[in-house]
Each structure stands twice: as C-alpha cells, then as structure tokens.
Amino acid sequence: MIRVLIVDDDKLARKGLISIMPWSAHDMTVAGEAANGAKAMEFLEQHPVDLMFVDLSMPVMSGTELIQAARKKYPNLRSVVLTFHEEFENVQTAYRLGVLDYVSKARLELEDDEQILKRIREKLTDEVQPRTPATTHNNASSGNEEQWRKLEQDWRSLYWLYSEGIFERLCQQTEEANPSVRRIESLLMRVISQVETATQLEAEFWSEVDDIRSAMERIRQYRKTIYAQAAGSTDLTKTAICMLKAVLYLREHTADPLHAEDAADHVNMSRSYFCQMFKKVTGTTFNDFLRQERVRAAERLLAETNQSVTWVANAVGYGDSKYFSHIFHEQTRLLPSEYRARHQTTGNIDHRESNNRLP
C-alpha cells in the first residue's frame, strides 16, 4: 500500500482531496495531512510516507521548500504538486526538484479522478520497478506506451536543442503519437526546466495549450527565443551556452571552409575540449554535425531555387560538386537532381546538372 501525505494550507482543499479521490482502488491510503511544510516535516519524522501531494503556495514553509528538504532527508519519497495552472514558474521549479507529476486545482473537477491516480501510480511503479517486456506485453496499449517513453527520453536528452533535423523529427513523431494535452503539458514542463537548468537562459513559454499542434508551435517559438538569447549572451561559463553559440556560428558559416578549430576559437575553448564537449552535448561529432547542416542547407536551396548543383555545392561549403553529390547521397539516399525533382517548389529549373553524378 502506498502511504500518502496531503499538504495544503487550505483545510477544505485537503479534506476534499482526501474524500473524492479513489485511493484504495490504486493501492493507496492517506496516512495523514498537514497545513504547511513545517508540519509536514514533523509528520515525516514520525510516520512512513511514500508519496506527498503538496500545494506550492503555503505559509511558514512553501511547497518547493518542503519538496527540497524532504528529498534530502528522505530520498525515496516522491511528490506530486497541487497548483493552479497559472503558476507555471513554480511548477517549473518543482520539476527541477524531481516531482513525479502535478495536479491542477483549477481543472480537478474536469479531470477523471481515476485517470489522475492511475497516471501517478504508473509513474511511481515505473520509477521503482521499470516495466519488463513481459509486463508491457500484457498492457493493452504497451506499444503506444513504449513509443511515448522513447519520445520522452529523446526530448529530455536535449539533442533537439542543437540539431534542426532531430528537432523536426521529434515534433513530427510527437504529433503522430497524438498524446493527451495533459500529457504533453507535463512533458514540456519537464523539458523546459531541463533546458533552463542547462543553459541558465529563461524564455516566456507557457500559455494554455489547446492541442498537440499548438504545443509543438510553442516549443518551436521557445527554441528560437533560447537561440536568440544564447547568441547575445556573454557568459561562456556554461557549456550548453557555448555549444549553442558554436552551432549558431556553424550555421552562419556553412559556406566557408570551416573546421572544429574555428568554432572552438569562437567560444574560447581548446580544440580537444571543444570536440569532447560538442559530442557530449549534441550527441554527434562536430564534423558529422557540419555535414548534416550543410546537407540540410542544400536541401532548402535545391527545393527553393533554380541554381545549378555546382552553385548549390559552393553555397554550402563544397568546392567539388562531385564530392558534394557523394555526401548528399550518403545523407539522403538521393542525388541532388533526384531530390530537386521531388521537392522543387519554384518554376523553371536550371538543368545544368552535369556534375550531379556520383564518381
């Protein structure tokens, strides 16, 4: 049985939550209640608790202070935040402290109590004992759940922050997964918290999300804002910011003869340390990343202009159009002319493609 502690300075809210939620149906029991963080810590000293439901805005000791103090003293104790939807900044802070989930008081009556506790119970179970192939096989929606868990891992890796290709693929896969609005909200809050922890850059992000498409559009805008802030930042003490600046520098100099030394100099790092950190942060080597970016730039030029393949090759940093065609084919499995034929969006095509064949 999972022992639950309800912590909220609003007595009616505490009693209401205790009475309306189907605790026993999800192997939970309310072990106690507390009116503030200080009283909750006193309770924890005397009683075993597995899970706390914590209001963020409380006198004496706030919810975030309680979560932080409790995690230090009781590392196996997990927390769920009770909050109003508008308190997004506080929810972000709580997620940085490792909360399991959050429950919006403003929408509590609209949500299914069974689903709320089921979701929390599953997350708690997954943390304590990750699902094995046998248990997931017995789940009617195991395939979808496995797909979603993989997407969550990809989002939380933060590689998407640096790679346009990974970012667009993740957006597409997330839309195709069609998660509930509640689920995408929870994921994006965690992701934004991780970004801001890594970069110490903050950007206005949240307003209520209506559907998955609007959520993806907001994350696109957020990503652009973070890039703009990183470009203007003079603080090169954070590795994540240095890598963002290096990626921006790389994209601005795609057409130039560019080497890792150039990017390392741009962010005041030695070449060896820069290459090591670049791989760690972006998930790929500098040279592979540069090739991918050049091919993506070439794809846009092939689709949106009538310029020859030789011209496109030069525009993305390849003086040898045959070598460019080889790299392009290696990345896309298409020759430049084949890609253009499939994606051309402009009128008359310049057919000067003699350098288009692989050697």
Protein backbone atom coordinates (compact mmCIF):
# COMPACT_ATOMS: atom_id res chain seq x y z
CA MET A 1 0.00 0.00 0.00
CA ILE A 2 1.34 3.43 -0.98
CA ARG A 3 1.17 5.79 2.01
CA VAL A 4 0.11 9.32 1.04
CA LEU A 5 0.53 12.64 2.85
CA ILE A 6 -1.65 15.61 1.78
CA VAL A 7 -0.01 19.00 2.41
CA ASP A 8 -2.12 22.13 1.80
CA ASP A 9 -2.84 25.22 3.91
CA ASP A 10 -6.46 25.16 2.68
CA LYS A 11 -8.31 22.78 5.02
CA LEU A 12 -11.28 22.41 2.68
CA ALA A 13 -8.95 21.54 -0.20
CA ARG A 14 -7.25 18.88 1.94
CA LYS A 15 -10.49 17.31 3.08
CA GLY A 16 -11.95 17.48 -0.41
CA LEU A 17 -8.97 15.75 -1.96
CA ILE A 18 -8.96 13.06 0.71
CA SER A 19 -12.66 12.33 0.25
CA ILE A 20 -13.09 12.47 -3.54
CA MET A 21 -10.07 10.52 -4.76
CA PRO A 22 -10.43 6.72 -5.14
CA TRP A 23 -7.25 6.00 -3.20
CA SER A 24 -7.80 2.34 -2.33
CA ALA A 25 -8.60 1.44 -5.94
CA HIS A 26 -5.00 2.34 -6.79
CA ASP A 27 -3.34 0.69 -3.80
CA MET A 28 -3.02 3.98 -1.92
CA THR A 29 -4.02 5.10 1.55
CA VAL A 30 -3.94 8.59 3.08
CA ALA A 31 -1.57 8.35 6.04
CA GLY A 32 -2.08 11.95 7.14
CA GLU A 33 -2.43 15.63 6.32
CA ALA A 34 -0.52 18.82 7.12
CA ALA A 35 -1.30 22.53 6.83
CA ASN A 36 2.20 23.65 5.82
CA GLY A 37 5.67 22.40 5.01
CA ALA A 38 6.98 22.62 8.55
CA LYS A 39 4.15 20.46 9.90
CA ALA A 40 4.69 18.04 7.03
CA MET A 41 8.35 17.61 8.00
CA GLU A 42 7.26 16.93 11.59
CA PHE A 43 4.81 14.30 10.33
CA LEU A 44 7.50 12.65 8.18
CA GLU A 45 9.75 12.27 11.23
CA GLN A 46 7.07 10.21 12.96
CA HIS A 47 5.36 8.32 10.12
CA PRO A 48 6.47 6.44 6.99
CA VAL A 49 5.25 8.12 3.78
CA ASP A 50 5.78 7.09 0.15
CA LEU A 51 4.07 9.94 -1.70
CA MET A 52 3.22 13.57 -0.89
CA PHE A 53 0.61 15.76 -2.59
CA VAL A 54 1.99 19.26 -2.00
CA ASP A 55 0.44 22.69 -2.52
CA LEU A 56 3.11 25.12 -3.71
CA SER A 57 1.77 28.30 -2.11
CA MET A 58 1.80 27.81 1.67
CA PRO A 59 2.86 29.94 4.65
CA VAL A 60 5.72 29.06 7.03
CA MET A 61 7.40 26.70 4.56
CA SER A 62 6.46 26.71 0.86
CA GLY A 63 5.78 23.63 -1.19
CA THR A 64 9.04 23.91 -3.13
CA GLU A 65 11.00 24.31 0.12
CA LEU A 66 9.24 21.25 1.52
CA ILE A 67 9.96 19.13 -1.57
CA GLN A 68 13.61 20.14 -1.49
CA ALA A 69 14.03 19.46 2.23
CA ALA A 70 12.11 16.19 2.12
CA ARG A 71 14.09 14.83 -0.83
CA LYS A 72 17.36 15.48 1.00
CA LYS A 73 16.20 13.70 4.15
CA TYR A 74 14.01 11.03 2.53
CA PRO A 75 15.44 10.31 -0.95
CA ASN A 76 12.83 7.63 -1.76
CA LEU A 77 9.90 9.95 -1.02
CA ARG A 78 8.12 11.15 -4.17
CA SER A 79 5.95 14.24 -4.59
CA VAL A 80 3.02 15.44 -6.67
CA VAL A 81 2.41 19.17 -6.96
CA LEU A 82 -1.01 20.70 -6.29
CA THR A 83 -1.26 24.02 -8.10
CA PHE A 84 -3.29 26.35 -10.22
CA HIS A 85 -2.42 26.16 -13.91
CA GLU A 86 -1.24 29.77 -13.98
CA GLU A 87 1.59 29.09 -11.51
CA PHE A 88 3.82 27.79 -14.28
CA GLU A 89 7.08 29.22 -12.96
CA ASN A 90 6.56 27.47 -9.63
CA VAL A 91 5.73 24.20 -11.37
CA GLN A 92 8.96 24.51 -13.38
CA THR A 93 10.91 24.96 -10.16
CA ALA A 94 9.23 21.92 -8.65
CA TYR A 95 10.03 19.77 -11.69
CA ARG A 96 13.68 20.72 -11.31
CA LEU A 97 13.42 19.20 -7.85
CA GLY A 98 12.19 15.94 -9.35
CA VAL A 99 8.43 15.88 -8.70
CA LEU A 100 6.52 12.95 -10.10
CA ASP A 101 3.56 14.87 -11.54
CA TYR A 102 1.30 17.84 -10.95
CA VAL A 103 -2.45 18.19 -10.44
CA SER A 104 -4.14 21.43 -11.45
CA LYS A 105 -6.70 22.51 -8.85
CA ALA A 106 -8.38 24.69 -11.45
CA ARG A 107 -9.13 21.64 -13.60
CA LEU A 108 -9.52 18.99 -10.90
CA GLU A 109 -13.28 18.80 -11.38
CA LEU A 110 -12.85 18.39 -15.14
CA GLU A 111 -10.30 15.58 -14.92
CA ASP A 112 -11.11 11.96 -14.24
CA ASP A 113 -10.05 11.13 -10.67
CA GLU A 114 -9.40 7.54 -11.70
CA GLN A 115 -7.10 8.64 -14.51
CA ILE A 116 -5.17 11.04 -12.27
CA LEU A 117 -4.33 8.36 -9.72
CA LYS A 118 -3.76 5.73 -12.40
CA ARG A 119 -1.22 8.01 -14.10
CA ILE A 120 0.57 8.76 -10.84
CA ARG A 121 0.53 5.10 -9.80
CA GLU A 122 2.08 4.05 -13.13
CA LYS A 123 4.82 6.69 -12.88
CA LEU A 124 5.60 5.63 -9.33
CA THR A 125 5.73 1.97 -10.34
CA ASP A 126 7.95 2.72 -13.34
CA GLU A 127 10.44 4.58 -11.13
CA VAL A 128 10.59 1.83 -8.52
CA GLN A 129 10.48 -1.09 -10.96
CA PRO A 130 10.80 -0.35 -14.69
CA ARG A 131 8.47 -2.42 -16.79
CA THR A 132 9.85 -5.63 -18.23
CA PRO A 133 8.96 -6.93 -21.70
CA ALA A 134 6.59 -9.39 -20.02
CA THR A 135 4.64 -6.75 -18.13
CA THR A 136 4.44 -4.38 -21.07
CA HIS A 137 3.25 -7.23 -23.27
CA ASN A 138 0.24 -7.65 -21.01
CA ASN A 139 -0.61 -3.98 -21.34
CA ALA A 140 -3.26 -3.38 -23.97
CA SER A 141 -1.54 -0.19 -25.07
CA SER A 142 2.03 -1.31 -24.43
CA GLY A 143 3.18 -0.39 -27.94
CA ASN A 144 1.94 3.17 -27.58
CA GLU A 145 3.39 3.44 -24.08
CA GLU A 146 6.78 2.20 -25.21
CA GLN A 147 6.71 4.65 -28.12
CA TRP A 148 5.83 7.50 -25.78
CA ARG A 149 8.55 6.60 -23.30
CA LYS A 150 11.09 6.61 -26.13
CA LEU A 151 9.85 10.05 -27.24
CA GLU A 152 10.12 11.34 -23.68
CA GLN A 153 13.72 10.14 -23.49
CA ASP A 154 14.53 11.82 -26.81
CA TRP A 155 13.00 15.12 -25.71
CA ARG A 156 14.77 15.03 -22.36
CA SER A 157 18.15 14.29 -23.97
CA LEU A 158 18.11 17.92 -25.28
CA TYR A 159 19.86 16.94 -28.53
CA TRP A 160 16.89 18.58 -30.29
CA LEU A 161 18.01 21.93 -28.94
CA TYR A 162 21.07 21.81 -31.19
CA SER A 163 20.00 19.76 -34.21
CA GLU A 164 17.29 21.03 -36.55
CA GLY A 165 16.91 17.54 -38.02
CA ILE A 166 16.39 15.84 -34.66
CA PHE A 167 14.03 18.62 -33.58
CA GLU A 168 11.76 18.38 -36.61
CA ARG A 169 11.73 14.58 -36.42
CA LEU A 170 10.75 14.72 -32.75
CA CYS A 171 7.98 17.24 -33.45
CA GLN A 172 6.59 15.03 -36.21
CA GLN A 173 6.76 11.85 -34.12
CA THR A 174 5.14 13.60 -31.16
CA GLU A 175 2.27 14.84 -33.31
CA GLU A 176 1.82 11.35 -34.74
CA ALA A 177 1.74 9.86 -31.22
CA ASN A 178 -1.18 12.23 -30.51
CA PRO A 179 -0.79 12.37 -26.70
CA SER A 180 -3.39 14.00 -24.50
CA VAL A 181 -3.00 17.72 -23.87
CA ARG A 182 -2.40 16.94 -20.21
CA ARG A 183 0.44 14.57 -21.07
CA ILE A 184 2.19 16.93 -23.49
CA GLU A 185 1.93 19.74 -20.91
CA SER A 186 3.64 17.58 -18.32
CA LEU A 187 6.42 16.55 -20.73
CA LEU A 188 7.11 20.07 -21.99
CA MET A 189 7.27 21.49 -18.48
CA ARG A 190 9.97 18.97 -17.62
CA VAL A 191 11.82 19.66 -20.87
CA ILE A 192 11.75 23.45 -20.44
CA SER A 193 13.02 23.06 -16.88
CA GLN A 194 15.92 20.95 -18.13
CA VAL A 195 16.79 23.49 -20.84
CA GLU A 196 16.80 26.35 -18.36
CA THR A 197 18.85 24.37 -15.85
CA ALA A 198 21.42 23.52 -18.53
CA THR A 199 21.68 26.98 -20.07
CA GLN A 200 20.56 29.36 -17.30
CA LEU A 201 18.53 31.06 -20.02
CA GLU A 202 14.86 31.73 -19.45
CA ALA A 203 12.19 32.48 -22.03
CA GLU A 204 8.47 33.12 -21.81
CA PHE A 205 6.85 29.89 -22.92
CA TRP A 206 3.61 28.89 -21.39
CA SER A 207 0.00 29.70 -22.01
CA GLU A 208 -2.73 27.11 -22.10
CA VAL A 209 -2.26 24.55 -24.84
CA ASP A 210 -5.35 23.54 -26.78
CA ASP A 211 -3.94 20.64 -28.77
CA ILE A 212 -0.74 18.90 -29.81
CA ARG A 213 -0.14 21.18 -32.81
CA SER A 214 -0.30 24.34 -30.74
CA ALA A 215 2.08 22.73 -28.22
CA MET A 216 4.61 21.98 -30.97
CA GLU A 217 4.32 25.53 -32.31
CA ARG A 218 5.04 26.91 -28.85
CA ILE A 219 8.12 24.73 -28.46
CA ARG A 220 9.34 25.97 -31.86
CA GLN A 221 8.97 29.57 -30.73
CA TYR A 222 10.63 28.76 -27.41
CA ARG A 223 13.60 27.19 -29.20
CA LYS A 224 14.03 30.29 -31.37
CA THR A 225 13.96 32.54 -28.31
CA ILE A 226 16.57 30.45 -26.49
CA TYR A 227 18.82 30.66 -29.56
CA ALA A 228 18.42 34.43 -29.70
CA GLN A 229 19.31 34.74 -26.01
CA ALA A 230 22.31 32.44 -26.39
CA ALA A 231 23.58 34.48 -29.35
CA GLY A 232 23.55 37.63 -27.22
CA SER A 233 24.96 36.03 -24.09
CA THR A 234 28.47 36.94 -22.98
CA ASP A 235 28.52 34.24 -20.29
CA LEU A 236 30.72 31.46 -21.63
CA THR A 237 30.98 29.65 -18.30
CA LYS A 238 28.11 27.30 -19.20
CA THR A 239 28.99 24.53 -21.63
CA ALA A 240 25.45 24.39 -23.02
CA ILE A 241 25.56 28.08 -23.97
CA CYS A 242 28.99 27.63 -25.57
CA MET A 243 27.65 24.80 -27.70
CA LEU A 244 24.60 26.83 -28.72
CA LYS A 245 26.88 29.67 -29.79
CA ALA A 246 29.06 27.19 -31.69
CA VAL A 247 26.03 25.79 -33.52
CA LEU A 248 24.88 29.30 -34.43
CA TYR A 249 28.39 30.13 -35.65
CA LEU A 250 28.46 26.94 -37.71
CA ARG A 251 25.12 27.74 -39.37
CA GLU A 252 26.24 31.29 -40.17
CA HIS A 253 29.42 29.99 -41.84
CA THR A 254 28.10 26.93 -43.67
CA ALA A 255 29.52 28.23 -46.96
CA ASP A 256 33.00 28.82 -45.53
CA PRO A 257 35.89 26.34 -45.17
CA LEU A 258 35.02 25.56 -41.56
CA HIS A 259 36.93 23.44 -39.06
CA ALA A 260 36.47 22.49 -35.42
CA GLU A 261 39.34 24.85 -34.50
CA ASP A 262 37.33 27.81 -35.83
CA ALA A 263 34.28 27.01 -33.71
CA ALA A 264 36.47 26.25 -30.68
CA ASP A 265 38.18 29.64 -31.01
CA HIS A 266 34.77 31.31 -31.29
CA VAL A 267 33.78 30.02 -27.85
CA ASN A 268 37.26 30.32 -26.29
CA MET A 269 37.93 26.60 -25.89
CA SER A 270 40.79 24.35 -26.86
CA ARG A 271 40.04 22.18 -29.88
CA SER A 272 40.24 18.88 -27.98
CA TYR A 273 38.00 20.03 -25.12
CA PHE A 274 35.56 21.64 -27.54
CA CYS A 275 35.25 18.44 -29.62
CA GLN A 276 34.73 16.38 -26.47
CA MET A 277 32.02 18.71 -25.14
CA PHE A 278 30.36 19.11 -28.54
CA LYS A 279 29.91 15.34 -28.83
CA LYS A 280 28.67 15.07 -25.26
CA VAL A 281 26.12 17.88 -25.59
CA THR A 282 24.85 17.40 -29.16
CA GLY A 283 25.22 13.64 -29.42
CA THR A 284 27.36 13.77 -32.57
CA THR A 285 30.84 14.85 -33.65
CA PHE A 286 31.49 18.34 -34.97
CA ASN A 287 32.33 17.07 -38.48
CA ASP A 288 29.20 14.90 -38.69
CA PHE A 289 27.09 17.78 -37.41
CA LEU A 290 28.62 20.12 -40.01
CA ARG A 291 27.88 17.64 -42.80
CA GLN A 292 24.28 17.30 -41.67
CA GLU A 293 23.80 21.06 -41.52
CA ARG A 294 25.33 21.56 -44.97
CA VAL A 295 23.07 18.90 -46.47
CA ARG A 296 20.01 20.47 -44.83
CA ALA A 297 21.01 23.86 -46.25
CA ALA A 298 21.49 22.23 -49.66
CA GLU A 299 18.05 20.63 -49.46
CA ARG A 300 16.48 24.06 -48.98
CA LEU A 301 18.42 25.56 -51.89
CA LEU A 302 17.59 22.67 -54.21
CA ALA A 303 13.89 22.91 -53.37
CA GLU A 304 13.57 26.69 -53.37
CA THR A 305 15.95 27.90 -56.11
CA ASN A 306 16.78 27.11 -59.73
CA GLN A 307 20.53 27.31 -59.21
CA SER A 308 22.78 24.55 -60.57
CA VAL A 309 24.10 21.76 -58.36
CA THR A 310 27.60 23.25 -58.70
CA TRP A 311 26.30 26.56 -57.38
CA VAL A 312 24.47 24.84 -54.51
CA ALA A 313 27.60 22.85 -53.64
CA ASN A 314 29.66 26.04 -53.38
CA ALA A 315 26.92 27.77 -51.40
CA VAL A 316 27.12 25.12 -48.68
CA GLY A 317 30.89 24.88 -48.48
CA TYR A 318 31.82 22.22 -51.05
CA GLY A 319 34.15 23.35 -53.84
CA ASP A 320 33.97 19.93 -55.51
CA SER A 321 30.43 19.27 -56.76
CA LYS A 322 31.11 15.54 -57.26
CA TYR A 323 32.19 15.19 -53.64
CA PHE A 324 29.13 17.22 -52.62
CA SER A 325 26.88 14.83 -54.58
CA HIS A 326 28.54 11.90 -52.82
CA ILE A 327 27.96 13.43 -49.37
CA PHE A 328 24.39 14.42 -50.27
CA HIS A 329 23.60 10.89 -51.46
CA GLU A 330 25.18 9.42 -48.34
CA GLN A 331 22.90 11.55 -46.13
CA THR A 332 19.64 11.42 -48.10
CA ARG A 333 19.96 8.32 -50.34
CA LEU A 334 19.15 10.64 -53.25
CA LEU A 335 21.26 12.50 -55.81
CA PRO A 336 20.80 16.28 -55.73
CA SER A 337 18.87 16.18 -59.03
CA GLU A 338 16.58 13.46 -57.67
CA TYR A 339 15.93 15.44 -54.52
CA ARG A 340 15.14 18.55 -56.58
CA ALA A 341 12.76 16.62 -58.83
CA ARG A 342 10.79 15.50 -55.78
CA HIS A 343 10.82 18.76 -53.84
CA GLN A 344 11.14 21.61 -56.36
CA THR A 345 8.71 24.40 -55.47
CA THR A 346 9.74 27.10 -57.94
CA GLY A 347 9.06 27.48 -61.65
CA ASN A 348 11.73 26.92 -64.27
CA ILE A 349 14.52 24.56 -63.26
CA ASP A 350 18.07 25.20 -64.36
CA HIS A 351 19.12 21.83 -65.79
CA ARG A 352 22.88 22.34 -65.59
CA GLU A 353 23.33 19.11 -63.63
CA SER A 354 26.39 17.64 -65.34
CA ASN A 355 28.29 17.47 -62.02
CA ASN A 356 25.42 15.68 -60.36
CA ARG A 357 26.56 12.08 -60.79
CA LEU A 358 28.47 10.14 -58.21
CA PRO A 359 32.10 9.41 -59.15
